[in-house]
């Protein structure tokens, strides 16, 4: 039976897709480069590692390093992200999982300090058993963090589901040996997600229903 939920943060619980697209376009305009014309195109370009997303957006690292570009982004994102709301259905789903006795943790490629401020701003401090994030804002991978989570809490991967919005979330779940469900409408396109062979659902209310149904089915 399912006992643990690992949440991705950006694009899954936090609705920061519009902001990320806007910030990328701001950086592109500063350089006179073509902007990303729509959110659907943004979702087609977005990928992990994040440096490959920057490359897909048109940046040439022979002219500017990824670290310089990431620093420019990080000079603006943390403060502006405090205006981002939770994704639709996030509060209801968190509460429903809590009532169902599921432990909930966050596993994020965000920088720890930024994520901490976002959680405080949204009144979510203390709502999660563990919050794991990176010590920098360069958007590295989450597999190592996930293994640390398993080691610290002693969770059974077979009783764990990772909820995210990107192919890297699926990659992380597979590396950890846990189940995965993805939500469309985050940072990657439904078309890209559906190639991964895991459930891809329309929003968090659908994710809530799927997880609770799985938990119920396994206890019968």
Foldseek 3Di string as FASTA:
>chain_A
DAAAEEEEPAQAFWDCLVVVLVLQQVVCVVVPHDGQPDSQSQQALQDPPRVSSVVSRPDDCVVPNLVVVLVSSVVPCLVVSLPIHTFPCNVVLLVLCVVVNHAYEYQYQAAPVSVVVSCVSHVNVPSHPYYDYDNDGSRHARLVVVVVVCVVPVDDQDNYEYEEAHVSSVVSSVSVVHHYAYEAPGRHHPVRVVVSPHHYYHGDVVVSVVVVVVVVVVVD
